[in-house]
Protein backbone atom coordinates (compact mmCIF):
# COMPACT_ATOMS: atom_id res chain seq x y z
CA MET A 1 33.52 -86.91 78.61
CA LYS A 2 34.50 -84.97 75.42
CA SER A 3 37.30 -82.71 74.79
CA VAL A 4 39.27 -81.42 71.84
CA ALA A 5 43.01 -81.73 71.58
CA VAL A 6 46.14 -81.21 69.38
CA THR A 7 47.57 -84.57 69.06
CA LYS A 8 50.24 -83.52 66.90
CA VAL A 9 52.15 -80.33 65.76
CA GLY A 10 51.83 -78.69 62.23
CA LYS A 11 50.07 -77.24 59.49
CA LEU A 12 45.89 -77.16 58.65
CA ASN A 13 45.71 -77.12 55.11
CA THR A 14 48.55 -78.82 53.79
CA ASP A 15 48.62 -81.86 51.25
CA ASN A 16 51.44 -83.52 52.99
CA GLU A 17 50.29 -85.51 55.55
CA ALA A 18 53.64 -85.32 57.35
CA ASP A 19 53.46 -81.62 57.97
CA ARG A 20 50.00 -81.85 58.75
CA GLY A 21 48.77 -81.13 62.26
CA VAL A 22 46.36 -83.04 64.09
CA ILE A 23 43.00 -82.03 66.16
CA LEU A 24 40.61 -84.55 67.58
CA VAL A 25 37.76 -85.44 69.80
CA ARG A 26 39.03 -87.39 72.59
CA ASP A 27 37.60 -88.96 76.20
CA ILE A 28 39.16 -87.28 79.68
CA PRO A 29 38.14 -87.89 83.24
CA GLU A 30 35.82 -85.17 84.44
CA PRO A 31 38.01 -83.39 86.54
CA ILE A 32 36.77 -83.13 90.78
CA LEU A 33 34.70 -80.57 92.09
CA GLU A 34 36.32 -78.69 94.73
CA ASP A 35 34.42 -76.91 97.75
CA GLU A 36 35.22 -73.28 95.87
CA GLN A 37 34.40 -74.10 92.22
CA VAL A 38 31.32 -74.51 90.01
CA ARG A 39 30.71 -76.98 87.01
CA ILE A 40 29.86 -75.73 84.10
CA LYS A 41 28.20 -77.47 81.10
CA VAL A 42 29.73 -75.99 78.14
CA ALA A 43 27.73 -74.42 75.17
CA TYR A 44 30.11 -72.57 72.84
CA CYS A 45 33.49 -72.26 72.21
CA SER A 46 34.67 -69.96 70.13
CA ILE A 47 38.31 -70.47 68.42
CA CYS A 48 40.57 -67.73 68.51
CA GLY A 49 43.29 -66.33 66.44
CA SER A 50 45.86 -67.95 68.92
CA ASP A 51 44.48 -71.61 68.58
CA PRO A 52 45.57 -72.45 65.46
CA HIS A 53 48.57 -71.00 66.07
CA CYS A 54 49.14 -73.31 69.28
CA MET A 55 48.07 -76.66 66.57
CA GLU A 56 50.82 -75.08 64.14
CA GLU A 57 54.00 -73.91 66.16
CA ASN A 58 52.60 -74.29 69.71
CA ILE A 59 53.80 -70.86 70.70
CA PHE A 60 53.68 -71.25 73.94
CA ASN A 61 55.70 -74.72 73.98
CA TRP A 62 52.98 -77.17 75.99
CA ASP A 63 53.74 -80.87 76.24
CA VAL A 64 52.01 -83.00 73.50
CA PRO A 65 49.20 -84.02 73.39
CA PHE A 66 47.31 -80.44 74.73
CA GLY A 67 44.01 -79.49 74.69
CA VAL A 68 42.69 -76.20 72.98
CA GLY A 69 40.06 -73.37 73.71
CA HIS A 70 39.20 -70.36 76.14
CA GLU A 71 36.24 -68.81 74.97
CA MET A 72 33.38 -70.54 75.99
CA SER A 73 30.16 -70.14 77.52
CA GLY A 74 27.53 -72.66 79.51
CA VAL A 75 25.60 -73.29 82.11
CA VAL A 76 26.00 -74.05 86.11
CA VAL A 77 25.20 -77.62 86.88
CA GLU A 78 26.94 -78.28 90.13
CA VAL A 79 28.20 -75.70 92.59
CA GLY A 80 30.96 -76.57 95.88
CA LYS A 81 29.68 -76.20 98.92
CA LYS A 82 31.80 -73.04 99.99
CA ALA A 83 31.29 -71.33 95.84
CA THR A 84 28.66 -68.68 97.61
CA LYS A 85 30.59 -65.40 97.35
CA ARG A 86 29.50 -64.89 93.57
CA GLY A 87 25.94 -65.94 94.13
CA LEU A 88 26.01 -68.71 91.41
CA LYS A 89 23.65 -71.49 91.37
CA VAL A 90 22.46 -74.43 89.16
CA GLY A 91 20.77 -73.15 86.09
CA ASP A 92 23.25 -70.04 85.46
CA ARG A 93 24.08 -68.88 82.21
CA VAL A 94 27.63 -68.09 82.38
CA ALA A 95 30.56 -67.10 80.92
CA GLY A 96 33.71 -66.26 82.02
CA ASN A 97 37.99 -65.89 82.44
CA PHE A 98 39.69 -68.68 81.77
CA LEU A 99 42.87 -67.50 84.16
CA ASN A 100 42.10 -67.96 87.96
CA PHE A 101 44.29 -65.50 89.59
CA CYS A 102 45.80 -66.41 92.63
CA GLY A 103 44.93 -62.91 94.35
CA THR A 104 48.03 -63.53 96.93
CA CYS A 105 50.91 -63.04 94.95
CA TYR A 106 53.01 -59.63 94.42
CA TYR A 107 51.31 -58.98 91.42
CA CYS A 108 48.01 -59.43 92.08
CA VAL A 109 48.29 -57.85 95.10
CA ASN A 110 49.59 -54.80 93.40
CA GLY A 111 47.34 -54.28 91.07
CA GLN A 112 48.67 -56.00 88.54
CA GLU A 113 46.97 -59.67 88.08
CA GLN A 114 47.73 -60.35 84.69
CA PHE A 115 51.12 -61.27 85.68
CA CYS A 116 49.88 -63.36 88.32
CA GLU A 117 52.69 -65.74 89.47
CA HIS A 118 50.02 -68.99 90.04
CA CYS A 119 47.29 -68.31 87.34
CA ASN A 120 47.83 -71.02 84.93
CA GLU A 121 47.82 -74.07 87.85
CA SER A 122 44.35 -75.03 87.47
CA ASN A 123 43.30 -74.20 83.79
CA GLN A 124 41.23 -76.17 81.48
CA PRO A 125 40.69 -76.29 78.05
CA CYS A 126 37.20 -74.84 76.88
CA MET A 127 36.55 -77.12 74.16
CA SER A 128 35.33 -79.65 76.64
CA GLU A 129 31.77 -80.86 77.34
CA ASN A 130 32.14 -79.35 80.78
CA VAL A 131 34.45 -77.61 82.65
CA THR A 132 35.04 -76.96 86.32
CA TRP A 133 36.10 -73.32 87.32
CA HIS A 134 36.93 -71.44 90.93
CA GLU A 135 33.61 -69.32 91.03
CA SER A 136 36.14 -66.22 90.87
CA GLN A 137 36.52 -66.84 87.34
CA VAL A 138 32.33 -66.85 86.71
CA TYR A 139 30.16 -64.25 85.89
CA LYS A 140 26.39 -64.65 84.97
CA ILE A 141 25.54 -63.11 81.62
CA PRO A 142 22.69 -60.73 81.26
CA ASP A 143 19.59 -62.05 80.08
CA ASN A 144 19.49 -60.30 76.54
CA VAL A 145 22.69 -61.90 75.39
CA SER A 146 22.52 -65.09 73.69
CA LEU A 147 25.06 -68.33 74.91
CA LYS A 148 26.47 -68.05 71.56
CA GLU A 149 27.18 -64.80 71.94
CA ALA A 150 28.30 -65.24 75.93
CA CYS A 151 31.21 -67.09 74.58
CA LEU A 152 32.53 -63.65 73.06
CA LEU A 153 32.99 -62.40 77.03
CA GLU A 154 36.79 -63.02 76.69
CA PRO A 155 37.35 -61.28 73.57
CA VAL A 156 35.31 -58.53 74.96
CA SER A 157 37.19 -58.17 77.71
CA VAL A 158 40.20 -57.90 75.74
CA CYS A 159 38.86 -54.95 74.19
CA VAL A 160 37.90 -53.26 77.35
CA ARG A 161 41.45 -53.72 77.89
CA VAL A 162 42.65 -52.16 74.70
CA MET A 163 39.88 -49.32 75.66
CA ASP A 164 41.21 -48.88 79.29
CA LYS A 165 45.35 -48.86 78.34
CA VAL A 166 44.51 -46.27 75.44
CA ASP A 167 42.66 -44.19 77.68
CA GLY A 168 41.49 -42.10 75.01
CA LYS A 169 39.32 -38.82 74.59
CA ILE A 170 36.45 -37.40 72.22
CA GLY A 171 37.71 -36.37 68.92
CA GLN A 172 40.29 -38.23 69.10
CA ARG A 173 41.65 -39.61 65.21
CA VAL A 174 41.54 -43.39 65.76
CA ALA A 175 42.93 -46.28 63.15
CA ILE A 176 42.76 -49.82 63.78
CA ASN A 177 45.38 -52.06 61.59
CA GLY A 178 43.33 -55.36 61.18
CA GLY A 179 39.79 -56.49 60.81
CA GLY A 180 39.86 -59.64 62.71
CA PRO A 181 37.24 -60.28 65.46
CA ILE A 182 39.33 -57.92 67.95
CA GLY A 183 39.75 -55.18 65.42
CA LEU A 184 36.12 -55.32 64.57
CA LEU A 185 35.15 -54.98 68.56
CA CYS A 186 37.12 -52.08 69.18
CA LEU A 187 36.00 -50.64 66.32
CA GLN A 188 32.70 -50.30 68.05
CA MET A 189 33.87 -49.83 71.25
CA MET A 190 35.62 -46.57 69.48
CA LYS A 191 32.73 -45.70 67.69
CA MET A 192 30.63 -45.42 71.07
CA MET A 193 33.56 -43.30 72.88
CA GLY A 194 33.84 -40.72 69.85
CA ALA A 195 36.43 -41.17 67.95
CA VAL A 196 36.68 -39.47 64.61
CA ASN A 197 38.34 -40.17 61.30
CA LEU A 198 37.59 -43.95 62.41
CA THR A 199 39.88 -45.95 59.68
CA LEU A 200 40.09 -49.31 59.29
CA PHE A 201 43.01 -51.00 57.74
CA GLU A 202 42.24 -54.46 56.16
CA PRO A 203 43.14 -56.25 53.32
CA LEU A 204 39.75 -58.74 53.17
CA GLU A 205 36.78 -56.96 51.65
CA ALA A 206 34.06 -58.68 53.65
CA ARG A 207 35.28 -57.18 56.81
CA ARG A 208 35.91 -53.98 55.34
CA GLU A 209 32.36 -54.31 54.62
CA LEU A 210 31.68 -55.59 58.25
CA GLY A 211 33.82 -52.18 59.26
CA LYS A 212 31.63 -49.97 57.36
CA LYS A 213 28.87 -51.91 59.15
CA TYR A 214 30.09 -51.12 62.63
CA GLY A 215 30.63 -47.38 62.20
CA ALA A 216 34.08 -46.75 60.47
CA ASP A 217 34.56 -43.70 58.75
CA TYR A 218 36.80 -45.41 56.36
CA CYS A 219 37.79 -48.63 55.48
CA VAL A 220 41.13 -49.04 53.73
CA ASP A 221 42.53 -52.00 51.34
CA PRO A 222 46.54 -52.17 52.83
CA ILE A 223 47.29 -53.89 49.86
CA SER A 224 46.07 -51.91 46.98
CA GLN A 225 46.93 -48.54 48.92
CA ASP A 226 49.56 -47.27 50.33
CA VAL A 227 48.39 -47.02 53.85
CA ILE A 228 50.60 -44.07 54.79
CA GLU A 229 49.83 -41.77 51.64
CA VAL A 230 46.27 -42.48 52.72
CA SER A 231 46.66 -41.68 56.20
CA ASN A 232 47.52 -38.34 55.75
CA GLU A 233 45.25 -37.73 53.42
CA ILE A 234 42.54 -38.70 56.33
CA THR A 235 44.29 -36.57 59.16
CA GLY A 236 45.15 -33.25 56.79
CA GLY A 237 48.78 -34.86 57.58
CA MET A 238 48.51 -34.61 61.38
CA GLY A 239 48.35 -38.47 61.88
CA PHE A 240 46.14 -40.80 64.29
CA ASP A 241 46.09 -39.54 67.90
CA VAL A 242 45.33 -43.75 68.58
CA VAL A 243 46.54 -46.62 66.52
CA ILE A 244 46.10 -50.35 67.71
CA GLU A 245 47.02 -52.96 65.24
CA VAL A 246 45.84 -56.35 65.86
CA SER A 247 46.39 -57.88 62.11
CA GLY A 248 49.61 -59.52 63.79
CA ASN A 249 51.36 -58.43 60.42
CA LEU A 250 55.18 -57.86 60.70
CA LYS A 251 55.13 -55.54 58.08
CA ALA A 252 52.06 -53.83 59.09
CA ALA A 253 53.52 -53.32 62.43
CA TYR A 254 56.26 -51.65 61.40
CA THR A 255 54.48 -49.28 59.83
CA MET A 256 52.09 -48.22 62.35
CA PRO A 257 54.89 -45.35 64.13
CA GLU A 258 54.80 -43.77 60.84
CA ILE A 259 51.25 -42.90 60.61
CA MET A 260 51.27 -41.71 64.06
CA ALA A 261 50.29 -38.03 65.49
CA LYS A 262 52.84 -36.47 67.48
CA GLY A 263 51.82 -37.50 71.32
CA GLY A 264 49.90 -40.44 70.08
CA LYS A 265 49.42 -43.95 71.69
CA LEU A 266 50.08 -47.29 69.68
CA MET A 267 48.80 -50.46 70.78
CA TYR A 268 50.49 -54.03 69.75
CA VAL A 269 47.49 -56.03 71.18
CA ALA A 270 48.21 -59.11 67.94
CA MET A 271 50.34 -62.04 68.74
CA TYR A 272 53.86 -61.83 67.09
CA PRO A 273 56.25 -64.53 66.59
CA ASN A 274 58.56 -64.89 69.94
CA ASP A 275 62.00 -64.30 68.03
CA HIS A 276 61.23 -60.87 65.89
CA GLU A 277 62.94 -58.46 66.72
CA MET A 278 61.32 -55.03 65.44
CA PRO A 279 63.65 -52.29 65.03
CA LEU A 280 62.61 -48.21 65.68
CA ASN A 281 63.60 -45.22 64.31
CA LEU A 282 64.40 -44.24 68.32
CA CYS A 283 64.62 -40.10 67.31
CA LYS A 284 61.63 -40.09 65.06
CA THR A 285 60.06 -42.51 67.32
CA PHE A 286 60.41 -41.07 70.81
CA PHE A 287 62.21 -38.26 70.46
CA ASN A 288 60.26 -36.21 67.38
CA LYS A 289 57.03 -38.04 68.35
CA GLU A 290 56.92 -38.62 72.36
CA LEU A 291 55.19 -41.47 70.94
CA THR A 292 53.30 -44.33 73.39
CA LEU A 293 54.06 -47.99 72.58
CA THR A 294 52.18 -50.29 74.17
CA GLY A 295 50.61 -54.09 74.51
CA THR A 296 47.94 -55.77 76.43
CA TYR A 297 48.27 -59.48 78.29
CA VAL A 298 45.44 -61.24 79.09
CA SER A 299 42.52 -58.47 80.26
CA PRO A 300 42.59 -58.01 84.00
CA TYR A 301 40.09 -56.25 85.81
CA ALA A 302 37.86 -56.46 82.50
CA PHE A 303 35.14 -59.27 83.04
CA PRO A 304 32.68 -57.35 85.00
CA ARG A 305 32.27 -54.36 82.31
CA ALA A 306 32.85 -56.92 79.71
CA THR A 307 29.55 -58.46 80.67
CA GLN A 308 27.80 -55.15 81.30
CA ILE A 309 28.59 -53.70 77.49
CA MET A 310 28.14 -56.88 75.68
CA PRO A 311 24.26 -55.81 74.66
CA ARG A 312 24.87 -52.63 73.28
CA LEU A 313 27.75 -54.66 70.84
CA GLN A 314 26.37 -56.06 67.39
CA LEU A 315 27.58 -59.45 68.12
CA ASP A 316 25.53 -61.70 64.99
CA ASP A 317 28.11 -61.60 62.60
CA PHE A 318 30.66 -63.09 64.69
CA THR A 319 27.77 -66.09 65.73
CA ALA A 320 27.02 -67.32 62.42
CA ALA A 321 29.78 -70.07 61.64
CA VAL A 322 28.57 -72.46 64.16
CA TYR A 323 30.02 -76.67 64.16
CA ASP A 324 29.92 -79.36 66.88
CA ILE A 325 32.56 -80.17 68.43
CA ASP A 326 32.96 -83.86 66.58
CA ASP A 327 33.49 -81.42 63.07
CA VAL A 328 36.30 -79.40 64.91
CA GLN A 329 38.84 -80.45 61.91
CA GLU A 330 36.47 -78.97 59.54
CA ALA A 331 35.88 -75.55 62.27
CA PHE A 332 39.51 -75.00 62.54
CA LYS A 333 39.94 -75.24 58.86
CA ALA A 334 37.05 -72.65 58.47
CA GLN A 335 39.18 -70.88 61.01
CA VAL A 336 42.02 -70.39 59.10
CA SER A 337 40.41 -69.47 55.80
CA GLY A 338 39.33 -66.29 56.90
CA LYS A 339 35.40 -66.59 55.64
CA TYR A 340 34.19 -65.87 59.00
CA PRO A 341 34.98 -63.25 61.30
CA LYS A 342 34.70 -65.80 64.38
CA VAL A 343 34.12 -69.67 64.47
CA LEU A 344 32.22 -71.20 67.04
CA ILE A 345 32.50 -75.26 68.40
CA ARG A 346 29.03 -76.09 69.97
CA CYS A 347 29.90 -78.57 72.77
CA ASN A 348 26.26 -79.49 74.09
CA GLN A 349 23.23 -79.34 72.38
CA PHE A 350 20.85 -76.27 74.05
CA LYS A 351 17.04 -75.86 73.23
CA GLY A 352 16.39 -72.18 71.81
CA GLU A 353 20.28 -71.51 71.41
């Protein structure tokens, strides 16, 4: 079957062939279906912001070649003889969690399955014609969610996890730094939850326009405007009760504590370089302001609710750019160009989708 793989780590957009990464489609054997697994014919796999990082920097130190993709939707084509607990059947339209938590290690039984010690043992790259997953990873999608939209279930689950950790209250002042897919989805959810002074900091005008469309009260260009000064103007000098940093920009990450309200909660959601150490003024951050700083690591316990909230989200803008699997190189170039909020890989043809 066809599957996308990185065969050489390097930059996507460069004229220097020696520095250029290589991503291509290759044929790999179809995995054997085990008793508690289901086989899924993949319809779409969206490109995550981490995928180009894997190609350009190999941030997880995987052996080359390695497969990519984890934001998938598709249709069940085969069900193992013991995969009976979720009611899955051939023909079901599904998406799911690329991680298969073991359910038995210390962290899984301690309510911390995001730290499962064995969750990587059976992972398969989703930019493939088929994947074979344990039934616990698979979720039926609502009838009014298309397969294009359904491949966004995993990023939506990330945002549900953010909402869980923010534990927000109606009327809190909220800022989101970064108008990528996670930032724009979080913005929509924060609007639903009753945020006020809802502010998006984003340098790209097209992303700021999407922010306005999704309900932001303020959309600010952090390049031409002073983030701290504007934040004080918007909040009357109080600062934001909740700030979600999803830009991955190191300079922006360092600025975020400065725009926080006393007792506020700051979440670092993006992926940052493994070797970056961010200095903090401990007196200002923790003593004077009593800030809570936290982050996210995958999305435990979020997928059922992510599935339920998807029909209420505006997702059309995230599914406009679609490339066939054989055009994966062009798809990745489109992703890093910033032209689209999201880029989808079509792994199989589905009538009406």
